[in-house]
Amino acid sequence: MRRKQSLQQIIDRLKSGGIGVFPTDTLYGLVGSALNQKTVERIYKVRQRTPSKPLIVLISSLEDLRLFGIKPDRETRKILNQYWPGKVSIILPTLSNKLIYLHRRTKTIAFRLPAKADLRRILKKTGPLVAPSANPEGQPPAKSIKESKAYFDDRVDFYLAGKRQTNLPSTLIKITNGQVKILRPGIVRVKI
């Protein structure tokens, strides 16, 4: 692992296709550009993730959804505004064949607009980031950089330390025809 990197160096690294570990609004995430297919495939390999399972994408604003061919209707936008910014990941449909590397043939992608303003500022500079929890599939999520390094060592380009993360994962919901369905209970209690 290289010397300590500044936040700007980390942002530059992410924009140029690098991957790393940093605290999200819920858990430590293994992050990389959602718009770079090679980066996404590298995260699947490093994390040993089942290839058919899509990743959660962090965005800086509702406008970022357009980058994925998603234009929410009024009803969907109302639901999004109810939970975002916040610790709720929301699955939305996308028909873009260019994004098969993200939706893994499910034609849906889970997005989260984090409540942490400093994280949204980073996302504004890097663009949307895939951000699965920082652990190999089937292992407990890392709660610290030390635990993250034990999992990934030098297979990632950087580590950015933050507070020890003891949160639950984000709550995962799906919106279909204006209806909300809870797929994974998490840190936010969602009432339907």
C-alpha atoms as a PDB file:
ATOM      1  CA  MET A   1       0.000   0.000   0.000  1.00  0.00           C
ATOM      2  CA  ARG A   2       1.269   3.426  -0.936  1.00  0.00           C
ATOM      3  CA  ARG A   3       1.725   6.421   1.317  1.00  0.00           C
ATOM      4  CA  LYS A   4      -1.313   8.221   2.686  1.00  0.00           C
ATOM      5  CA  GLN A   5      -3.265   9.939  -0.085  1.00  0.00           C
ATOM      6  CA  SER A   6      -5.111  13.246   0.055  1.00  0.00           C
ATOM      7  CA  LEU A   7      -8.834  13.427  -0.598  1.00  0.00           C
ATOM      8  CA  GLN A   8      -8.138  15.071  -3.976  1.00  0.00           C
ATOM      9  CA  GLN A   9      -5.778  12.235  -4.926  1.00  0.00           C
ATOM     10  CA  ILE A  10      -8.475   9.729  -3.989  1.00  0.00           C
ATOM     11  CA  ILE A  11     -11.052  11.601  -6.083  1.00  0.00           C
ATOM     12  CA  ASP A  12      -8.619  11.645  -9.024  1.00  0.00           C
ATOM     13  CA  ARG A  13      -7.927   7.944  -8.540  1.00  0.00           C
ATOM     14  CA  LEU A  14     -11.662   7.145  -8.604  1.00  0.00           C
ATOM     15  CA  LYS A  15     -12.199   9.261 -11.719  1.00  0.00           C
ATOM     16  CA  SER A  16      -9.391   7.396 -13.482  1.00  0.00           C
ATOM     17  CA  GLY A  17     -10.823   3.952 -12.716  1.00  0.00           C
ATOM     18  CA  GLY A  18      -9.272   3.118  -9.347  1.00  0.00           C
ATOM     19  CA  ILE A  19     -11.027   1.327  -6.503  1.00  0.00           C
ATOM     20  CA  GLY A  20     -10.721   1.709  -2.756  1.00  0.00           C
ATOM     21  CA  VAL A  21     -12.370   1.554   0.627  1.00  0.00           C
ATOM     22  CA  PHE A  22     -14.013   4.441   2.445  1.00  0.00           C
ATOM     23  CA  PRO A  23     -16.866   5.059   4.862  1.00  0.00           C
ATOM     24  CA  THR A  24     -20.245   5.564   3.220  1.00  0.00           C
ATOM     25  CA  ASP A  25     -23.323   6.747   5.096  1.00  0.00           C
ATOM     26  CA  THR A  26     -23.910   3.232   6.461  1.00  0.00           C
ATOM     27  CA  LEU A  27     -20.910   0.867   6.257  1.00  0.00           C
ATOM     28  CA  TYR A  28     -17.399   0.940   4.826  1.00  0.00           C
ATOM     29  CA  GLY A  29     -17.776   0.496   1.081  1.00  0.00           C
ATOM     30  CA  LEU A  30     -15.567  -0.956  -1.633  1.00  0.00           C
ATOM     31  CA  VAL A  31     -16.018   1.867  -4.128  1.00  0.00           C
ATOM     32  CA  GLY A  32     -15.319   2.615  -7.782  1.00  0.00           C
ATOM     33  CA  SER A  33     -16.850   4.435 -10.738  1.00  0.00           C
ATOM     34  CA  ALA A  34     -20.270   3.071 -11.680  1.00  0.00           C
ATOM     35  CA  LEU A  35     -19.773   4.418 -15.222  1.00  0.00           C
ATOM     36  CA  ASN A  36     -16.551   2.445 -15.834  1.00  0.00           C
ATOM     37  CA  GLN A  37     -17.202  -1.186 -16.755  1.00  0.00           C
ATOM     38  CA  LYS A  38     -13.616  -2.324 -16.079  1.00  0.00           C
ATOM     39  CA  THR A  39     -13.756  -0.768 -12.608  1.00  0.00           C
ATOM     40  CA  VAL A  40     -17.053  -2.502 -11.821  1.00  0.00           C
ATOM     41  CA  GLU A  41     -15.703  -5.873 -13.003  1.00  0.00           C
ATOM     42  CA  ARG A  42     -12.586  -5.379 -10.862  1.00  0.00           C
ATOM     43  CA  ILE A  43     -14.785  -4.811  -7.791  1.00  0.00           C
ATOM     44  CA  TYR A  44     -16.678  -8.045  -8.529  1.00  0.00           C
ATOM     45  CA  LYS A  45     -13.361  -9.898  -8.714  1.00  0.00           C
ATOM     46  CA  VAL A  46     -11.787  -8.327  -5.589  1.00  0.00           C
ATOM     47  CA  ARG A  47     -14.956  -8.786  -3.551  1.00  0.00           C
ATOM     48  CA  GLN A  48     -15.568 -12.301  -4.950  1.00  0.00           C
ATOM     49  CA  ARG A  49     -19.166 -11.319  -5.600  1.00  0.00           C
ATOM     50  CA  THR A  50     -21.645 -13.560  -7.377  1.00  0.00           C
ATOM     51  CA  PRO A  51     -21.589 -12.254 -10.980  1.00  0.00           C
ATOM     52  CA  SER A  52     -25.391 -12.224 -11.317  1.00  0.00           C
ATOM     53  CA  LYS A  53     -25.942  -9.935  -8.289  1.00  0.00           C
ATOM     54  CA  PRO A  54     -26.061  -6.176  -9.047  1.00  0.00           C
ATOM     55  CA  LEU A  55     -24.281  -3.593  -6.874  1.00  0.00           C
ATOM     56  CA  ILE A  56     -25.692  -0.514  -5.134  1.00  0.00           C
ATOM     57  CA  VAL A  57     -24.808   2.807  -6.783  1.00  0.00           C
ATOM     58  CA  LEU A  58     -24.314   5.981  -4.741  1.00  0.00           C
ATOM     59  CA  ILE A  59     -25.428   9.208  -6.451  1.00  0.00           C
ATOM     60  CA  SER A  60     -25.023  12.889  -5.580  1.00  0.00           C
ATOM     61  CA  SER A  61     -28.466  14.054  -6.770  1.00  0.00           C
ATOM     62  CA  LEU A  62     -31.659  12.875  -8.444  1.00  0.00           C
ATOM     63  CA  GLU A  63     -30.267  14.260 -11.706  1.00  0.00           C
ATOM     64  CA  ASP A  64     -27.574  11.537 -11.677  1.00  0.00           C
ATOM     65  CA  LEU A  65     -30.307   8.998 -12.479  1.00  0.00           C
ATOM     66  CA  ARG A  66     -30.343  10.344 -16.046  1.00  0.00           C
ATOM     67  CA  LEU A  67     -26.825   8.956 -16.520  1.00  0.00           C
ATOM     68  CA  PHE A  68     -28.437   5.523 -16.209  1.00  0.00           C
ATOM     69  CA  GLY A  69     -31.341   6.239 -18.567  1.00  0.00           C
ATOM     70  CA  ILE A  70     -33.779   6.698 -15.684  1.00  0.00           C
ATOM     71  CA  LYS A  71     -36.353   9.494 -15.706  1.00  0.00           C
ATOM     72  CA  PRO A  72     -38.651   8.968 -12.726  1.00  0.00           C
ATOM     73  CA  ASP A  73     -42.302   9.830 -13.200  1.00  0.00           C
ATOM     74  CA  ARG A  74     -44.024  12.156 -10.732  1.00  0.00           C
ATOM     75  CA  GLU A  75     -45.224   9.344  -8.435  1.00  0.00           C
ATOM     76  CA  THR A  76     -41.770   7.710  -8.297  1.00  0.00           C
ATOM     77  CA  ARG A  77     -40.083  11.084  -7.727  1.00  0.00           C
ATOM     78  CA  LYS A  78     -42.441  11.692  -4.798  1.00  0.00           C
ATOM     79  CA  ILE A  79     -41.362   8.376  -3.220  1.00  0.00           C
ATOM     80  CA  LEU A  80     -37.678   9.115  -3.880  1.00  0.00           C
ATOM     81  CA  ASN A  81     -38.003  12.501  -2.190  1.00  0.00           C
ATOM     82  CA  GLN A  82     -39.632  10.810   0.801  1.00  0.00           C
ATOM     83  CA  TYR A  83     -36.548   8.633   1.463  1.00  0.00           C
ATOM     84  CA  TRP A  84     -33.679  10.667  -0.022  1.00  0.00           C
ATOM     85  CA  PRO A  85     -31.252  11.904   1.006  1.00  0.00           C
ATOM     86  CA  GLY A  86     -31.068   9.021   3.433  1.00  0.00           C
ATOM     87  CA  LYS A  87     -29.991   5.494   4.243  1.00  0.00           C
ATOM     88  CA  VAL A  88     -32.493   3.812   1.942  1.00  0.00           C
ATOM     89  CA  SER A  89     -31.333   2.124  -1.264  1.00  0.00           C
ATOM     90  CA  ILE A  90     -34.031   2.095  -3.916  1.00  0.00           C
ATOM     91  CA  ILE A  91     -34.220  -0.312  -6.856  1.00  0.00           C
ATOM     92  CA  LEU A  92     -35.328   1.342 -10.082  1.00  0.00           C
ATOM     93  CA  PRO A  93     -35.865  -0.144 -13.548  1.00  0.00           C
ATOM     94  CA  THR A  94     -33.447   0.625 -16.378  1.00  0.00           C
ATOM     95  CA  LEU A  95     -33.766  -0.637 -19.930  1.00  0.00           C
ATOM     96  CA  SER A  96     -30.280   0.348 -21.067  1.00  0.00           C
ATOM     97  CA  ASN A  97     -28.377  -2.542 -22.647  1.00  0.00           C
ATOM     98  CA  LYS A  98     -25.171  -0.502 -22.215  1.00  0.00           C
ATOM     99  CA  LEU A  99     -25.573  -1.024 -18.466  1.00  0.00           C
ATOM    100  CA  ILE A 100     -25.740  -4.835 -18.426  1.00  0.00           C
ATOM    101  CA  TYR A 101     -22.420  -4.772 -16.544  1.00  0.00           C
ATOM    102  CA  LEU A 102     -24.297  -2.927 -13.742  1.00  0.00           C
ATOM    103  CA  HIS A 103     -27.769  -4.455 -13.757  1.00  0.00           C
ATOM    104  CA  ARG A 104     -26.466  -7.962 -14.545  1.00  0.00           C
ATOM    105  CA  ARG A 105     -29.457  -8.665 -16.821  1.00  0.00           C
ATOM    106  CA  THR A 106     -31.963  -7.820 -14.074  1.00  0.00           C
ATOM    107  CA  LYS A 107     -32.850  -4.526 -15.827  1.00  0.00           C
ATOM    108  CA  THR A 108     -32.870  -2.863 -12.395  1.00  0.00           C
ATOM    109  CA  ILE A 109     -30.258  -0.955 -10.387  1.00  0.00           C
ATOM    110  CA  ALA A 110     -30.309  -0.034  -6.691  1.00  0.00           C
ATOM    111  CA  PHE A 111     -29.400   3.605  -5.981  1.00  0.00           C
ATOM    112  CA  ARG A 112     -28.833   5.577  -2.794  1.00  0.00           C
ATOM    113  CA  LEU A 113     -28.604   9.338  -2.343  1.00  0.00           C
ATOM    114  CA  PRO A 114     -26.668   9.582   0.944  1.00  0.00           C
ATOM    115  CA  ALA A 115     -27.667  11.986   3.692  1.00  0.00           C
ATOM    116  CA  LYS A 116     -24.013  12.788   4.500  1.00  0.00           C
ATOM    117  CA  ALA A 117     -23.311  16.120   2.784  1.00  0.00           C
ATOM    118  CA  ASP A 118     -19.541  15.514   2.627  1.00  0.00           C
ATOM    119  CA  LEU A 119     -20.126  12.186   0.857  1.00  0.00           C
ATOM    120  CA  ARG A 120     -22.481  13.868  -1.652  1.00  0.00           C
ATOM    121  CA  ARG A 121     -19.761  16.486  -2.324  1.00  0.00           C
ATOM    122  CA  ILE A 122     -17.280  13.693  -3.105  1.00  0.00           C
ATOM    123  CA  LEU A 123     -19.852  12.007  -5.382  1.00  0.00           C
ATOM    124  CA  LYS A 124     -20.415  15.319  -7.170  1.00  0.00           C
ATOM    125  CA  LYS A 125     -16.697  15.299  -8.064  1.00  0.00           C
ATOM    126  CA  THR A 126     -16.256  11.580  -8.815  1.00  0.00           C
ATOM    127  CA  GLY A 127     -19.592  10.820 -10.417  1.00  0.00           C
ATOM    128  CA  PRO A 128     -21.753   7.883  -9.261  1.00  0.00           C
ATOM    129  CA  LEU A 129     -19.895   5.117  -7.415  1.00  0.00           C
ATOM    130  CA  VAL A 130     -20.731   1.461  -6.937  1.00  0.00           C
ATOM    131  CA  ALA A 131     -20.386   0.802  -3.224  1.00  0.00           C
ATOM    132  CA  PRO A 132     -20.936  -2.724  -1.939  1.00  0.00           C
ATOM    133  CA  SER A 133     -19.917  -3.251   1.674  1.00  0.00           C
ATOM    134  CA  ALA A 134     -16.174  -3.724   2.205  1.00  0.00           C
ATOM    135  CA  ASN A 135     -15.972  -7.475   2.621  1.00  0.00           C
ATOM    136  CA  PRO A 136     -15.682 -10.561   0.462  1.00  0.00           C
ATOM    137  CA  GLU A 137     -19.113 -12.018  -0.230  1.00  0.00           C
ATOM    138  CA  GLY A 138     -20.309 -14.098   2.711  1.00  0.00           C
ATOM    139  CA  GLN A 139     -18.017 -12.393   5.252  1.00  0.00           C
ATOM    140  CA  PRO A 140     -19.122  -9.768   7.818  1.00  0.00           C
ATOM    141  CA  PRO A 141     -18.818  -6.127   6.648  1.00  0.00           C
ATOM    142  CA  ALA A 142     -15.600  -4.413   7.717  1.00  0.00           C
ATOM    143  CA  LYS A 143     -16.183  -1.965  10.573  1.00  0.00           C
ATOM    144  CA  SER A 144     -12.769  -0.301  10.289  1.00  0.00           C
ATOM    145  CA  ILE A 145      -9.916   0.272   7.856  1.00  0.00           C
ATOM    146  CA  LYS A 146      -7.904  -2.363   9.745  1.00  0.00           C
ATOM    147  CA  GLU A 147     -10.620  -4.954   9.041  1.00  0.00           C
ATOM    148  CA  SER A 148     -10.863  -3.769   5.414  1.00  0.00           C
ATOM    149  CA  LYS A 149      -7.101  -4.176   4.934  1.00  0.00           C
ATOM    150  CA  ALA A 150      -7.299  -7.678   6.383  1.00  0.00           C
ATOM    151  CA  TYR A 151      -9.815  -8.505   3.634  1.00  0.00           C
ATOM    152  CA  PHE A 152      -8.273  -6.704   0.656  1.00  0.00           C
ATOM    153  CA  ASP A 153      -4.640  -5.821   1.501  1.00  0.00           C
ATOM    154  CA  ASP A 154      -3.040  -4.309  -1.633  1.00  0.00           C
ATOM    155  CA  ARG A 155      -5.763  -5.416  -4.083  1.00  0.00           C
ATOM    156  CA  VAL A 156      -7.330  -1.936  -3.806  1.00  0.00           C
ATOM    157  CA  ASP A 157      -5.749   1.422  -4.642  1.00  0.00           C
ATOM    158  CA  PHE A 158      -6.517   3.340  -1.440  1.00  0.00           C
ATOM    159  CA  TYR A 159      -8.070   3.286   2.013  1.00  0.00           C
ATOM    160  CA  LEU A 160      -9.748   6.356   3.503  1.00  0.00           C
ATOM    161  CA  ALA A 161     -10.307   6.056   7.238  1.00  0.00           C
ATOM    162  CA  GLY A 162     -13.341   7.375   9.056  1.00  0.00           C
ATOM    163  CA  LYS A 163     -15.159   6.515  12.251  1.00  0.00           C
ATOM    164  CA  ARG A 164     -15.602   2.879  13.142  1.00  0.00           C
ATOM    165  CA  GLN A 165     -18.755   1.808  11.334  1.00  0.00           C
ATOM    166  CA  THR A 166     -21.214  -0.211  13.388  1.00  0.00           C
ATOM    167  CA  ASN A 167     -24.304   0.593  11.378  1.00  0.00           C
ATOM    168  CA  LEU A 168     -26.678  -1.811   9.783  1.00  0.00           C
ATOM    169  CA  PRO A 169     -26.747  -1.844   5.986  1.00  0.00           C
ATOM    170  CA  SER A 170     -29.120   0.453   4.146  1.00  0.00           C
ATOM    171  CA  THR A 171     -32.760  -0.529   3.920  1.00  0.00           C
ATOM    172  CA  LEU A 172     -33.427  -1.859   0.411  1.00  0.00           C
ATOM    173  CA  ILE A 173     -36.751  -1.173  -1.270  1.00  0.00           C
ATOM    174  CA  LYS A 174     -38.160  -1.551  -4.766  1.00  0.00           C
ATOM    175  CA  ILE A 175     -40.656   0.756  -6.439  1.00  0.00           C
ATOM    176  CA  THR A 176     -43.013  -0.907  -8.901  1.00  0.00           C
ATOM    177  CA  ASN A 177     -46.002   0.949 -10.358  1.00  0.00           C
ATOM    178  CA  GLY A 178     -45.921   3.450  -7.508  1.00  0.00           C
ATOM    179  CA  GLN A 179     -45.858   0.726  -4.849  1.00  0.00           C
ATOM    180  CA  VAL A 180     -43.012   0.247  -2.345  1.00  0.00           C
ATOM    181  CA  LYS A 181     -41.827  -3.239  -1.422  1.00  0.00           C
ATOM    182  CA  ILE A 182     -39.181  -3.841   1.279  1.00  0.00           C
ATOM    183  CA  LEU A 183     -36.553  -6.314   0.054  1.00  0.00           C
ATOM    184  CA  ARG A 184     -34.060  -5.966   2.922  1.00  0.00           C
ATOM    185  CA  PRO A 185     -34.781  -4.376   6.295  1.00  0.00           C
ATOM    186  CA  GLY A 186     -31.892  -2.162   7.358  1.00  0.00           C
ATOM    187  CA  ILE A 187     -30.948   0.895   9.344  1.00  0.00           C
ATOM    188  CA  VAL A 188     -34.106   2.864   8.360  1.00  0.00           C
ATOM    189  CA  ARG A 189     -37.554   1.581   9.252  1.00  0.00           C
ATOM    190  CA  VAL A 190     -39.755   1.972   6.204  1.00  0.00           C
ATOM    191  CA  LYS A 191     -43.528   2.049   6.577  1.00  0.00           C
ATOM    192  CA  ILE A 192     -45.597   0.885   3.636  1.00  0.00           C
END
